Amino acid sequence: MFIPPHYRRLKRGPQVILPKDIGPIIAYTGVNKESFCVDCGTGSGWLAVTLARIAKKVVSYDVREEFIKIAERNRDNEKLDNLTIKSGDVIKSLPEKEVDIITIDIPDADKALKNVHKALKEGGFVAGYMPHTEQVKEFVKALEKLEFKNIITLENIERDILVREQGVRPSTKGVWHTGYLVFAQKGA
């Protein structure tokens, strides 16, 4: 699997959100140079770093200090002064307000949605990343209960194509399932 050079510079500790899923997050939420983003579940910081390359301001939360250290190193190596990484449990508290986009990649993400809803500005987007369908179901039910709109769930399958003299065909190797993406908008 090809990893773009700007991702190969980043240290990897815990599992990361790969470019095949980062692209749709950017596209479906409309992240841009004026966006204020909050990333819940920093992990190695790949998503937070990518958002900070685009957005005006990014705040990222994780509960594990060893993950925060990896993400801070990635931020510092990329010289991103618009990315703040904090220790905190977004299920318990999310103090930011008037946020444009919130990404969430944590176990029990549905339990953080009340705080996410309060932090988002009207029309803001949440993007959830979950590996299991059971998590997706609970997340969508919680979104509906909080009256989020435009709820959509996607799975992105990426497959390399081999281009060779003897013929062109799909590769038998590659990244198939990584996680499900759930997008929703506060208000409409």
Protein backbone atom coordinates (compact mmCIF):
# COMPACT_ATOMS: atom_id res chain seq x y z
CA MET A 1 0.00 0.00 0.00
CA PHE A 2 1.33 3.42 -0.97
CA ILE A 3 1.48 5.96 1.85
CA PRO A 4 2.04 9.56 0.69
CA PRO A 5 5.42 11.04 1.75
CA HIS A 6 3.88 13.60 4.13
CA TYR A 7 2.32 10.73 6.12
CA ARG A 8 5.51 8.65 6.09
CA ARG A 9 7.18 11.47 8.05
CA LEU A 10 4.69 10.99 10.89
CA LYS A 11 5.37 8.59 13.74
CA ARG A 12 2.78 5.90 14.22
CA GLY A 13 1.86 4.49 17.61
CA PRO A 14 -1.78 3.45 17.90
CA GLN A 15 -3.87 2.68 14.83
CA VAL A 16 -4.26 5.69 12.53
CA ILE A 17 -6.99 6.99 10.25
CA LEU A 18 -5.59 6.43 6.76
CA PRO A 19 -5.70 8.84 3.80
CA LYS A 20 -8.52 6.79 2.21
CA ASP A 21 -10.77 7.84 5.11
CA ILE A 22 -9.26 11.28 5.74
CA GLY A 23 -10.22 12.40 2.22
CA PRO A 24 -13.96 11.82 2.70
CA ILE A 25 -13.82 13.45 6.14
CA ILE A 26 -12.45 16.61 4.54
CA ALA A 27 -14.87 16.45 1.61
CA TYR A 28 -18.07 15.70 3.53
CA THR A 29 -17.46 18.24 6.31
CA GLY A 30 -16.08 21.04 4.15
CA VAL A 31 -12.93 21.68 6.21
CA ASN A 32 -11.31 24.87 4.94
CA LYS A 33 -8.88 27.63 5.94
CA GLU A 34 -11.54 29.31 8.14
CA SER A 35 -12.59 26.14 9.99
CA PHE A 36 -12.33 25.56 13.73
CA CYS A 37 -12.02 21.79 14.23
CA VAL A 38 -12.00 19.57 17.29
CA ASP A 39 -10.58 16.06 16.97
CA CYS A 40 -11.70 13.61 19.67
CA GLY A 41 -9.35 10.66 20.02
CA THR A 42 -5.97 11.98 18.87
CA GLY A 43 -4.19 8.65 18.68
CA SER A 44 -1.00 9.19 16.67
CA GLY A 45 -2.37 12.50 15.41
CA TRP A 46 -2.53 11.73 11.69
CA LEU A 47 -6.03 13.17 11.30
CA ALA A 48 -5.33 16.13 13.60
CA VAL A 49 -2.15 16.98 11.67
CA THR A 50 -3.98 16.75 8.34
CA LEU A 51 -6.81 18.98 9.60
CA ALA A 52 -4.24 21.50 10.89
CA ARG A 53 -2.63 21.64 7.44
CA ILE A 54 -5.99 22.91 6.14
CA ALA A 55 -8.00 24.51 8.96
CA LYS A 56 -7.55 27.76 10.83
CA LYS A 57 -7.49 26.09 14.26
CA VAL A 58 -7.54 22.48 15.54
CA VAL A 59 -7.86 21.22 19.11
CA SER A 60 -7.35 17.49 19.63
CA TYR A 61 -8.15 15.41 22.74
CA ASP A 62 -6.94 12.06 23.99
CA VAL A 63 -7.01 10.33 27.37
CA ARG A 64 -3.73 8.45 26.93
CA GLU A 65 -0.53 10.38 27.66
CA GLU A 66 1.63 8.09 25.51
CA PHE A 67 -0.57 8.87 22.49
CA ILE A 68 -0.48 12.59 23.23
CA LYS A 69 3.34 12.52 23.23
CA ILE A 70 3.41 10.85 19.80
CA ALA A 71 0.88 13.34 18.40
CA GLU A 72 2.78 16.31 19.87
CA ARG A 73 5.97 15.06 18.24
CA ASN A 74 4.18 14.74 14.90
CA ARG A 75 2.73 18.25 15.29
CA ASP A 76 6.12 19.72 16.18
CA ASN A 77 7.91 17.93 13.33
CA GLU A 78 5.34 19.38 10.92
CA LYS A 79 5.69 22.86 12.51
CA LEU A 80 1.95 23.31 13.02
CA ASP A 81 1.27 26.13 15.48
CA ASN A 82 -2.50 25.97 14.92
CA LEU A 83 -2.84 22.50 16.50
CA THR A 84 -3.35 22.21 20.26
CA ILE A 85 -3.29 18.73 21.79
CA LYS A 86 -5.00 18.31 25.15
CA SER A 87 -5.46 15.55 27.68
CA GLY A 88 -9.16 15.06 28.31
CA ASP A 89 -12.16 12.76 28.14
CA VAL A 90 -14.71 14.24 25.71
CA ILE A 91 -17.41 11.97 27.14
CA LYS A 92 -17.10 13.93 30.39
CA SER A 93 -16.40 17.42 29.02
CA LEU A 94 -15.83 19.31 25.80
CA PRO A 95 -15.38 23.01 26.65
CA GLU A 96 -14.95 24.41 23.11
CA LYS A 97 -17.89 26.32 21.60
CA GLU A 98 -18.95 27.38 18.11
CA VAL A 99 -16.94 24.58 16.49
CA ASP A 100 -17.33 24.04 12.75
CA ILE A 101 -16.29 20.38 12.59
CA ILE A 102 -15.81 17.69 15.23
CA THR A 103 -14.22 14.36 14.40
CA ILE A 104 -14.56 11.50 16.86
CA ASP A 105 -12.63 8.23 16.96
CA ILE A 106 -13.08 6.78 20.45
CA PRO A 107 -14.78 3.74 21.95
CA ASP A 108 -18.35 4.58 22.99
CA ALA A 109 -18.39 7.64 20.71
CA ASP A 110 -22.17 7.81 21.07
CA LYS A 111 -21.71 8.78 24.74
CA ALA A 112 -19.79 11.91 23.72
CA LEU A 113 -22.49 13.23 21.38
CA LYS A 114 -24.28 15.39 23.97
CA ASN A 115 -21.05 17.31 24.51
CA VAL A 116 -20.34 17.34 20.77
CA HIS A 117 -23.81 18.78 20.11
CA LYS A 118 -23.23 21.59 22.65
CA ALA A 119 -19.80 22.41 21.20
CA LEU A 120 -20.88 22.55 17.53
CA LYS A 121 -22.20 25.72 15.99
CA GLU A 122 -25.51 25.57 14.14
CA GLY A 123 -24.84 23.88 10.80
CA GLY A 124 -21.59 22.34 12.07
CA PHE A 125 -20.61 18.77 11.22
CA VAL A 126 -19.63 15.72 13.21
CA ALA A 127 -17.68 12.89 11.60
CA GLY A 128 -17.49 9.62 13.52
CA TYR A 129 -15.00 6.87 12.73
CA MET A 130 -15.90 3.40 14.01
CA PRO A 131 -14.58 -0.09 13.21
CA HIS A 132 -17.77 -2.03 14.09
CA THR A 133 -21.36 -1.90 12.86
CA GLU A 134 -22.67 -2.15 16.41
CA GLN A 135 -20.88 1.12 17.23
CA VAL A 136 -22.35 2.72 14.11
CA LYS A 137 -25.86 1.72 15.16
CA GLU A 138 -25.51 3.25 18.65
CA PHE A 139 -23.88 6.38 17.20
CA VAL A 140 -26.65 6.92 14.64
CA LYS A 141 -29.37 6.32 17.24
CA ALA A 142 -27.76 8.95 19.49
CA LEU A 143 -27.47 11.38 16.56
CA GLU A 144 -31.17 10.95 15.79
CA LYS A 145 -32.13 11.45 19.43
CA LEU A 146 -30.19 14.75 19.44
CA GLU A 147 -31.95 15.73 16.17
CA PHE A 148 -28.86 15.87 13.99
CA LYS A 149 -29.70 16.10 10.29
CA ASN A 150 -28.21 14.77 7.05
CA ILE A 151 -26.94 11.57 8.67
CA ILE A 152 -24.99 9.33 6.32
CA THR A 153 -22.84 6.24 6.93
CA LEU A 154 -20.10 5.20 4.50
CA GLU A 155 -17.50 2.50 4.16
CA ASN A 156 -14.64 3.29 1.82
CA ILE A 157 -12.99 0.42 0.02
CA GLU A 158 -9.69 1.17 -1.65
CA ARG A 159 -8.02 -1.26 -4.03
CA ASP A 160 -4.82 -0.81 -6.00
CA ILE A 161 -4.92 -1.58 -9.70
CA LEU A 162 -1.93 -3.38 -11.19
CA VAL A 163 -0.90 -1.92 -14.55
CA ARG A 164 1.54 -4.26 -16.26
CA GLU A 165 2.56 -5.21 -19.78
CA GLN A 166 0.67 -8.52 -19.56
CA GLY A 167 -2.56 -6.82 -18.46
CA VAL A 168 -4.37 -4.54 -16.03
CA ARG A 169 -6.27 -6.01 -13.09
CA PRO A 170 -7.14 -5.31 -9.46
CA SER A 171 -4.44 -6.11 -6.93
CA THR A 172 -5.10 -8.97 -4.55
CA LYS A 173 -3.50 -6.94 -1.76
CA GLY A 174 -4.60 -3.70 -0.21
CA VAL A 175 -6.56 -2.01 2.49
CA TRP A 176 -10.17 -3.05 2.51
CA HIS A 177 -12.15 -2.35 5.67
CA THR A 178 -10.64 0.15 8.09
CA GLY A 179 -13.72 1.69 9.62
CA TYR A 180 -17.12 3.18 8.99
CA LEU A 181 -17.57 6.92 8.63
CA VAL A 182 -20.73 8.51 9.97
CA PHE A 183 -21.44 12.15 9.10
CA ALA A 184 -24.16 14.37 10.54
CA GLN A 185 -25.00 18.06 10.73
CA LYS A 186 -26.32 20.06 13.65
CA GLY A 187 -29.51 21.79 12.59
CA ALA A 188 -29.97 22.35 8.89
